[in-house]
Every structure is written in structure tokens, then in C-alpha cells.
Amino acid sequence: MEKNKNLTEWREQLVAKNKSLTEENAKLKTKCQNLEELLNEEETDINDVLELIKKTQFNAGAAVNVGSAQVGPISKFRDLKLK
């Protein structure tokens, strides 16, 4: 009889522990999904910035000849005077 009672208590403890672990697993799964989404957004942002840098470097490399000096696309407007 005592053995039966101990087994019942042990089973109840296991059921409670299983429920607790299942709830924790669900929370961690949701957290993992949120972090994965955030990581994908960050990856997209990083790729956008890298593409912008690449385009900027390409445009800066396309310098315009003014006399004997090389002038980049932005610097050619530095001395522009508006009327």
C-alpha cells in the first residue's frame, strides 16, 4: 500500500514537472522565433547598408576630370554658387 502511495506521488510530481517543462519550452520556442525574426530583419538592414556603401564607393570611384585634378561627384558641387 505504501509503495502504491509513493508511486502515485512520484507520478504526480512527474506530471507537474512535465507540465512546467512544456510551458517553459513553449515560451523558449516563442522567444527563439522572435529572435530569429529580429536576426532576419538585422540581416536585411546590414545587407541594405552594405549595398549603399558599395554604390557610394562606386559613385565616388567615378570621379570627374576637371583640368588635371580628379574631382569626386560630391566635391564638384562644393564651389557651386547659386544665383
Protein backbone atom coordinates (compact mmCIF):
# COMPACT_ATOMS: atom_id res chain seq x y z
CA MET A 1 0.00 0.00 0.00
CA GLU A 2 2.82 2.39 0.94
CA LYS A 3 4.59 1.54 -2.30
CA ASN A 4 1.46 2.38 -4.27
CA LYS A 5 1.15 5.76 -2.50
CA ASN A 6 4.81 6.58 -3.21
CA LEU A 7 4.42 5.68 -6.87
CA THR A 8 1.30 7.85 -7.13
CA GLU A 9 3.11 10.82 -5.55
CA TRP A 10 6.11 10.27 -7.82
CA ARG A 11 3.82 10.13 -10.85
CA GLU A 12 2.08 13.38 -9.80
CA GLN A 13 5.46 15.06 -9.39
CA LEU A 14 6.49 13.89 -12.85
CA VAL A 15 3.23 15.16 -14.37
CA ALA A 16 3.73 18.56 -12.69
CA LYS A 17 7.36 18.73 -13.83
CA ASN A 18 6.37 17.74 -17.37
CA LYS A 19 3.73 20.49 -17.43
CA SER A 20 6.26 23.03 -16.17
CA LEU A 21 8.84 21.97 -18.76
CA THR A 22 6.23 22.03 -21.54
CA GLU A 23 5.25 25.61 -20.63
CA GLU A 24 8.90 26.69 -20.45
CA ASN A 25 9.57 25.02 -23.81
CA ALA A 26 6.67 26.92 -25.39
CA LYS A 27 7.99 30.23 -24.00
CA LEU A 28 11.51 29.50 -25.24
CA LYS A 29 10.18 28.47 -28.65
CA THR A 30 8.32 31.78 -28.96
CA LYS A 31 11.39 33.70 -27.80
CA CYS A 32 13.53 31.83 -30.33
CA GLN A 33 11.10 32.65 -33.14
CA ASN A 34 11.12 36.33 -32.14
CA LEU A 35 14.91 36.37 -32.07
CA GLU A 36 15.06 34.66 -35.45
CA GLU A 37 12.74 37.29 -36.93
CA LEU A 38 14.85 40.05 -35.40
CA LEU A 39 18.01 38.46 -36.77
CA ASN A 40 16.49 38.28 -40.26
CA GLU A 41 15.50 41.96 -40.05
CA GLU A 42 19.01 42.87 -38.92
CA GLU A 43 20.49 40.84 -41.77
CA THR A 44 18.29 42.73 -44.23
CA ASP A 45 19.34 46.06 -42.72
CA ILE A 46 23.01 45.11 -42.87
CA ASN A 47 22.70 44.00 -46.49
CA ASP A 48 20.95 47.28 -47.35
CA VAL A 49 23.75 49.29 -45.71
CA LEU A 50 26.42 47.23 -47.45
CA GLU A 51 24.69 47.78 -50.80
CA LEU A 52 24.50 51.51 -50.09
CA ILE A 53 28.21 51.58 -49.22
CA LYS A 54 29.03 49.65 -52.38
CA LYS A 55 27.03 52.09 -54.51
CA THR A 56 28.60 55.08 -52.75
CA GLN A 57 32.09 53.70 -53.31
CA PHE A 58 31.28 53.00 -56.95
CA ASN A 59 29.95 56.54 -57.44
CA ALA A 60 32.95 58.03 -55.64
CA GLY A 61 35.22 55.98 -57.90
CA ALA A 62 33.59 57.57 -60.94
CA ALA A 63 35.45 60.84 -60.42
CA VAL A 64 35.15 63.55 -63.00
CA ASN A 65 38.23 65.11 -64.61
CA VAL A 66 38.41 68.87 -64.11
CA GLY A 67 41.64 70.16 -65.60
CA SER A 68 44.40 67.97 -64.24
CA ALA A 69 42.71 67.23 -60.92
CA GLN A 70 40.35 64.38 -60.16
CA VAL A 71 37.13 65.67 -58.58
CA GLY A 72 34.60 63.32 -56.99
CA PRO A 73 30.89 63.73 -57.70
CA ILE A 74 30.11 65.39 -54.37
CA SER A 75 33.08 67.73 -54.29
CA LYS A 76 32.29 69.13 -57.75
CA PHE A 77 29.26 70.88 -56.20
CA ARG A 78 31.18 72.31 -53.24
CA ASP A 79 32.06 75.59 -55.01
CA LEU A 80 28.79 75.87 -56.90
CA LYS A 81 27.29 79.31 -56.38
CA LEU A 82 23.57 79.73 -56.71
CA LYS A 83 22.32 82.99 -58.24
